[in-house]
Protein backbone atom coordinates (compact mmCIF):
# COMPACT_ATOMS: atom_id res chain seq x y z
CA UNK A 1 0.00 0.00 0.00
CA UNK A 2 1.39 3.41 -0.95
CA UNK A 3 2.07 5.98 1.74
CA UNK A 4 -0.54 8.35 0.29
CA UNK A 5 -3.27 5.70 0.43
CA UNK A 6 -2.24 4.71 3.95
CA UNK A 7 -2.39 8.35 5.05
CA UNK A 8 -5.87 8.81 3.59
CA UNK A 9 -7.07 5.61 5.26
CA UNK A 10 -5.64 6.56 8.65
CA UNK A 11 -7.12 10.07 8.36
CA UNK A 12 -10.56 8.68 7.50
CA UNK A 13 -10.66 10.78 4.31
CA UNK A 14 -12.86 8.31 2.47
CA UNK A 15 -13.84 10.63 -0.38
CA UNK A 16 -10.20 11.22 -1.29
CA UNK A 17 -9.45 7.51 -0.79
CA UNK A 18 -12.30 6.60 -3.13
CA UNK A 19 -11.15 9.07 -5.77
CA UNK A 20 -7.51 8.01 -5.63
CA UNK A 21 -8.27 4.29 -5.79
CA UNK A 22 -10.61 4.88 -8.73
CA UNK A 23 -7.66 6.46 -10.55
CA UNK A 24 -5.49 3.44 -9.79
CA UNK A 25 -8.20 1.04 -10.98
CA UNK A 26 -8.53 2.88 -14.27
CA UNK A 27 -4.89 1.99 -14.92
CA UNK A 28 -5.05 -1.50 -13.39
CA UNK A 29 -8.58 -2.88 -12.82
CA UNK A 30 -7.27 -5.93 -10.93
CA UNK A 31 -5.11 -4.11 -8.39
CA UNK A 32 -6.22 -5.96 -5.25
CA UNK A 33 -5.16 -3.30 -2.76
CA UNK A 34 -6.99 -0.61 -4.73
CA UNK A 35 -10.12 -2.76 -5.02
CA UNK A 36 -10.11 -3.46 -1.29
CA UNK A 37 -9.59 0.17 -0.32
CA UNK A 38 -12.12 1.40 -2.87
CA UNK A 39 -14.71 -1.06 -1.57
CA UNK A 40 -13.97 -0.04 2.01
CA UNK A 41 -14.09 3.70 1.23
CA UNK A 42 -17.45 3.39 -0.53
CA UNK A 43 -18.78 1.25 2.32
CA UNK A 44 -17.78 3.82 4.93
CA UNK A 45 -19.21 6.66 2.84
CA UNK A 46 -22.48 4.74 2.54
CA UNK A 47 -22.66 4.18 6.28
CA UNK A 48 -22.20 7.90 6.89
CA UNK A 49 -24.47 9.23 4.14
CA UNK A 50 -27.92 10.61 5.02
CA UNK A 51 -29.32 11.21 1.53
CA UNK A 52 -30.75 7.86 0.44
CA UNK A 53 -30.01 7.96 -3.29
CA UNK A 54 -26.35 8.83 -2.73
CA UNK A 55 -26.17 6.28 0.08
CA UNK A 56 -27.33 3.54 -2.28
CA UNK A 57 -24.78 4.57 -4.90
CA UNK A 58 -21.98 4.19 -2.37
CA UNK A 59 -23.18 0.74 -1.33
CA UNK A 60 -23.55 -0.32 -4.97
CA UNK A 61 -19.97 0.75 -5.70
CA UNK A 62 -18.74 -1.01 -2.56
CA UNK A 63 -20.48 -4.27 -3.48
CA UNK A 64 -19.14 -4.17 -7.05
CA UNK A 65 -15.57 -3.61 -5.83
CA UNK A 66 -15.83 -6.37 -3.23
CA UNK A 67 -17.26 -8.82 -5.77
CA UNK A 68 -14.45 -8.04 -8.22
CA UNK A 69 -11.95 -8.58 -5.42
CA UNK A 70 -13.48 -11.97 -4.61
CA UNK A 71 -12.71 -13.15 -8.12
CA UNK A 72 -9.04 -12.60 -7.29
CA UNK A 73 -8.87 -13.77 -3.66
CA UNK A 74 -10.77 -15.86 -1.13
CA UNK A 75 -13.56 -14.49 1.03
CA UNK A 76 -12.42 -13.30 4.46
CA UNK A 77 -14.61 -12.74 7.54
CA UNK A 78 -13.90 -8.99 7.41
CA UNK A 79 -15.05 -8.70 3.80
CA UNK A 80 -18.07 -10.92 4.50
CA UNK A 81 -19.09 -8.65 7.38
CA UNK A 82 -18.93 -5.50 5.25
CA UNK A 83 -20.65 -7.18 2.28
CA UNK A 84 -23.42 -8.43 4.56
CA UNK A 85 -24.02 -4.95 5.94
CA UNK A 86 -23.87 -3.38 2.48
CA UNK A 87 -26.45 -5.84 1.16
CA UNK A 88 -28.63 -5.21 4.21
CA UNK A 89 -28.70 -1.50 3.47
CA UNK A 90 -29.64 -2.26 -0.15
CA UNK A 91 -33.08 -3.27 1.14
CA UNK A 92 -35.33 -6.22 1.80
CA UNK A 93 -34.78 -7.88 -1.59
CA UNK A 94 -31.15 -8.47 -0.63
CA UNK A 95 -31.89 -9.99 2.78
CA UNK A 96 -30.78 -13.47 1.70
CA UNK A 97 -27.38 -12.20 0.55
CA UNK A 98 -27.04 -10.13 3.69
CA UNK A 99 -27.72 -13.18 5.85
CA UNK A 100 -25.34 -15.35 3.82
CA UNK A 101 -22.34 -13.08 4.26
CA UNK A 102 -23.08 -12.15 7.87
CA UNK A 103 -23.53 -15.83 8.76
CA UNK A 104 -20.18 -16.54 7.14
CA UNK A 105 -18.49 -13.84 9.20
CA UNK A 106 -20.03 -15.21 12.40
CA UNK A 107 -19.08 -18.80 11.55
CA UNK A 108 -15.45 -17.75 11.14
CA UNK A 109 -15.38 -16.14 14.57
CA UNK A 110 -15.53 -12.54 13.39
CA UNK A 111 -16.44 -10.14 16.19
CA UNK A 112 -18.21 -6.81 15.74
CA UNK A 113 -20.46 -4.96 18.15
CA UNK A 114 -23.38 -4.91 15.71
CA UNK A 115 -22.97 -8.29 13.96
CA UNK A 116 -25.66 -10.14 15.92
CA UNK A 117 -28.09 -7.24 15.49
CA UNK A 118 -27.60 -7.19 11.73
CA UNK A 119 -28.05 -10.96 11.61
CA UNK A 120 -31.31 -10.56 13.53
CA UNK A 121 -32.54 -7.77 11.28
CA UNK A 122 -31.70 -9.76 8.14
CA UNK A 123 -33.46 -12.86 9.50
CA UNK A 124 -36.53 -10.76 10.30
CA UNK A 125 -36.59 -9.44 6.73
CA UNK A 126 -36.60 -13.03 5.53
CA UNK A 127 -39.55 -13.78 7.82
CA UNK A 128 -37.57 -16.07 10.13
CA UNK A 129 -38.65 -14.49 13.41
CA UNK A 130 -37.51 -17.38 15.55
CA UNK A 131 -33.99 -16.93 14.22
CA UNK A 132 -34.12 -13.15 14.46
CA UNK A 133 -35.28 -13.21 18.09
CA UNK A 134 -32.48 -15.68 18.87
CA UNK A 135 -29.86 -13.31 17.45
CA UNK A 136 -31.34 -10.31 19.28
CA UNK A 137 -31.38 -12.22 22.57
CA UNK A 138 -27.77 -13.28 22.04
CA UNK A 139 -26.85 -9.64 21.50
CA UNK A 140 -28.55 -8.71 24.78
CA UNK A 141 -26.81 -11.60 26.57
CA UNK A 142 -23.50 -10.17 25.40
CA UNK A 143 -24.31 -6.86 27.06
CA UNK A 144 -25.76 -5.02 24.08
CA UNK A 145 -28.62 -2.86 25.31
CA UNK A 146 -30.40 -0.18 23.32
CA UNK A 147 -33.96 0.96 22.58
CA UNK A 148 -33.54 0.00 18.92
CA UNK A 149 -32.55 -3.54 19.90
CA UNK A 150 -35.54 -3.83 22.23
CA UNK A 151 -37.87 -2.58 19.48
CA UNK A 152 -36.45 -5.05 16.98
CA UNK A 153 -36.75 -7.93 19.45
CA UNK A 154 -40.31 -6.91 20.33
CA UNK A 155 -41.31 -6.95 16.63
CA UNK A 156 -40.01 -10.49 16.26
CA UNK A 157 -41.73 -11.63 19.46
CA UNK A 158 -45.02 -10.15 18.25
CA UNK A 159 -44.70 -12.11 15.00
CA UNK A 160 -44.09 -15.24 17.08
CA UNK A 161 -47.18 -14.53 19.19
CA UNK A 162 -45.13 -13.99 22.35
CA UNK A 163 -47.17 -10.94 23.32
CA UNK A 164 -46.38 -10.82 27.03
CA UNK A 165 -42.60 -10.71 26.54
CA UNK A 166 -43.00 -8.11 23.81
CA UNK A 167 -45.22 -6.03 26.11
CA UNK A 168 -42.61 -6.10 28.87
CA UNK A 169 -39.96 -4.83 26.45
CA UNK A 170 -42.13 -2.08 24.98
CA UNK A 171 -43.75 -0.62 28.08
CA UNK A 172 -40.61 1.19 29.38
CA UNK A 173 -40.02 2.63 25.90
CA UNK A 174 -43.60 3.88 25.68
CA UNK A 175 -43.13 5.79 28.92
CA UNK A 176 -39.78 7.43 28.15
CA UNK A 177 -39.15 10.95 26.89
CA UNK A 178 -37.56 10.07 23.54
CA UNK A 179 -40.40 10.73 21.13
CA UNK A 180 -39.16 8.49 18.32
CA UNK A 181 -38.92 5.43 20.56
CA UNK A 182 -42.13 6.31 22.37
CA UNK A 183 -44.11 6.54 19.14
CA UNK A 184 -42.78 3.23 17.80
CA UNK A 185 -43.38 1.47 21.13
CA UNK A 186 -46.96 2.73 21.39
CA UNK A 187 -47.70 1.55 17.85
CA UNK A 188 -46.30 -1.90 18.56
CA UNK A 189 -48.22 -2.09 21.85
CA UNK A 190 -51.40 -1.22 19.99
CA UNK A 191 -50.66 -3.83 17.34
CA UNK A 192 -49.84 -6.61 19.78
CA UNK A 193 -52.95 -6.02 21.88
CA UNK A 194 -55.03 -5.93 18.70
CA UNK A 195 -53.57 -9.26 17.60
CA UNK A 196 -54.23 -10.67 21.06
CA UNK A 197 -57.85 -9.48 20.71
CA UNK A 198 -57.49 -7.14 23.68
CA UNK A 199 -59.20 -4.36 21.79
CA UNK A 200 -59.71 -1.86 24.61
CA UNK A 201 -56.03 -1.98 25.55
CA UNK A 202 -55.08 -1.65 21.89
CA UNK A 203 -57.33 1.40 21.49
CA UNK A 204 -55.85 3.06 24.58
CA UNK A 205 -52.29 2.79 23.27
CA UNK A 206 -53.22 3.86 19.74
CA UNK A 207 -55.21 6.87 20.93
CA UNK A 208 -52.28 7.92 23.09
CA UNK A 209 -50.05 7.61 20.04
CA UNK A 210 -52.15 9.80 17.73
CA UNK A 211 -52.27 12.47 20.43
CA UNK A 212 -48.47 12.61 20.22
CA UNK A 213 -48.08 12.10 16.48
CA UNK A 214 -50.54 11.18 13.74
CA UNK A 215 -49.87 7.76 12.26
CA UNK A 216 -51.44 5.99 9.30
CA UNK A 217 -50.81 2.61 10.94
CA UNK A 218 -52.42 3.74 14.19
CA UNK A 219 -55.52 5.04 12.40
CA UNK A 220 -55.74 1.81 10.42
CA UNK A 221 -55.80 -0.27 13.60
CA UNK A 222 -58.28 2.11 15.22
CA UNK A 223 -60.46 1.53 12.17
CA UNK A 224 -60.12 -2.22 12.59
CA UNK A 225 -61.12 -1.96 16.24
CA UNK A 226 -64.14 0.20 15.39
CA UNK A 227 -65.17 -2.22 12.64
CA UNK A 228 -64.87 -5.15 15.03
CA UNK A 229 -67.20 -3.28 17.41
CA UNK A 230 -69.71 -2.85 14.58
CA UNK A 231 -69.22 0.90 14.10
CA UNK A 232 -68.55 1.04 10.37
CA UNK A 233 -68.98 4.82 10.16
CA UNK A 234 -66.21 5.41 12.68
CA UNK A 235 -64.10 2.69 11.07
CA UNK A 236 -64.32 4.36 7.66
CA UNK A 237 -63.43 7.69 9.24
CA UNK A 238 -60.25 6.21 10.71
CA UNK A 239 -59.29 4.52 7.43
CA UNK A 240 -59.78 7.82 5.57
CA UNK A 241 -57.49 9.52 8.09
CA UNK A 242 -54.89 6.83 7.44
CA UNK A 243 -55.06 7.54 3.71
CA UNK A 244 -54.80 11.28 4.26
CA UNK A 245 -51.49 10.68 6.01
CA UNK A 246 -50.32 7.96 3.61
CA UNK A 247 -52.23 7.78 0.30
CA UNK A 248 -50.44 4.49 -0.42
CA UNK A 249 -51.68 2.70 2.70
CA UNK A 250 -53.07 -0.30 0.84
CA UNK A 251 -54.87 -1.99 3.74
CA UNK A 252 -56.89 1.15 4.48
CA UNK A 253 -57.71 1.51 0.79
CA UNK A 254 -58.84 -2.12 0.66
CA UNK A 255 -61.06 -1.64 3.71
CA UNK A 256 -62.72 1.45 2.24
CA UNK A 257 -63.29 -0.36 -1.05
CA UNK A 258 -64.87 -3.33 0.72
CA UNK A 259 -67.06 -1.42 3.16
């Protein structure tokens, strides 16, 4: 590795590192050091980017560089970890590839603070909630503790029908001051009580939520509860509110078309 590339890497100047390695690859497309550093630079830029379109471009470039590199050398746990995360951030249609590479990294003993969480999130995207909850619980057993982890675990437990454990995780979040976590926890509490056919409890949580922040999902479930009680006028009113917030809320649109 040249001194200039090493300096850029150590300084965390990923834009300059990306640009310089692109220049090297124009001259020699199979330069392994340049491919590795270019993939890494694009990966780090993607992880730090807020604007979604640009973020996806960075991850695309990272994946392409890593895949080219893997034609020339064997897969390593470090590369598998970054590829798995890059594929995860590409969206739900890449969940299988994300799981494949993250599982490989784990099987080779790779350690990263967020590896188990990403494995859980990828498993949840694939609909394997038993596996996702197992990964989330392993992360907690290893001392990882965060509201986002509790929310992710609660979602998986709800899908598994383990409503009581999900409720215990969500209740402290619903009572805290962080609005983002509070809103998500109240919505999940409303959903789990609705699924458990505890409609009054579900309505209480959902009504508390819409007082804090209007939510298409909350209004949809309030409509479902009203419909279950036989009040179709109120139900339609809630479903219309859901569509006002999110015109693409398909379940609310289906309900209004059917009733």
